[in-house]
Amino acid sequence: MISNEKIALLIDGANLYSATKALGFDIDYKRLLKEFQSRGYLLRAFYYTTLIEDQEYSSIRPLLDWLDYNGYSVVTKLAKEFTDSQGRRRVRGNMDIEIAVDAMELAGHVDHIILFSGDGDFRSLVEALQRKGMRVSVVSTIQTQPPLIADDLRRQADVFIDLVDLQPKIGRDPGERQGRMQETPRFLERRGTPAEPHES
């Protein structure tokens, strides 16, 4: 990257969480911010996630509070709960529209957008940003089976960054995971404290 270029990070929280979980590591969000601050002038770092409605406490809230106070712009909306045809409880909600709107609004203010998502729906957004003269990097992984990035999104991006290559720079110390390995994961929820943000 060019050291004086203006950068914005757009982090699809659920997508990034799924990718790092599949790869077996947790992100240290303070290190992530520092890593990209070292690559240019970081104008904005957005973190997008849905919250489950009617849930008094969500274990992702401490992480969101920490991000909010430590250099991230947190964008949330309520996910909708519904029962599918087999009677199973499902949650529907994604942040694609919010990410796309913010990305287009950033056009003209930044030189380089770094999108943390492997969702193929973003291919046309990446193409539109490139037509406006911006460079777009996409962060996801091809190290899982199947790969977590859509092939057409990977091809459209100016640069593809594999999370595996970023892990030494943005991953948490594996020793910190051990105490949490016994916890039961709950769908669409993350754990964290304001002092020690993490998603796992």
Foldseek 3Di string as FASTA:
>chain_A
DDAAFEEEEEEFAVQLLVQCVLVPFKFQVLLVVVVVVRRHPYPAYEYEDEDAPPDPDFQCVQLVVLQVVRGHHYHYYHWDWDADPVRDIDTDDGCVVVSLVVLVVCLVVGQEYEYEHQDPVCLVSLVVSVVSRHAYEYEGAPPGVNGRHDPSSCVSHPHYHYVVVCCVRTTDDVVVCVVVPPPDDDPRGAHDHSVGDIGD
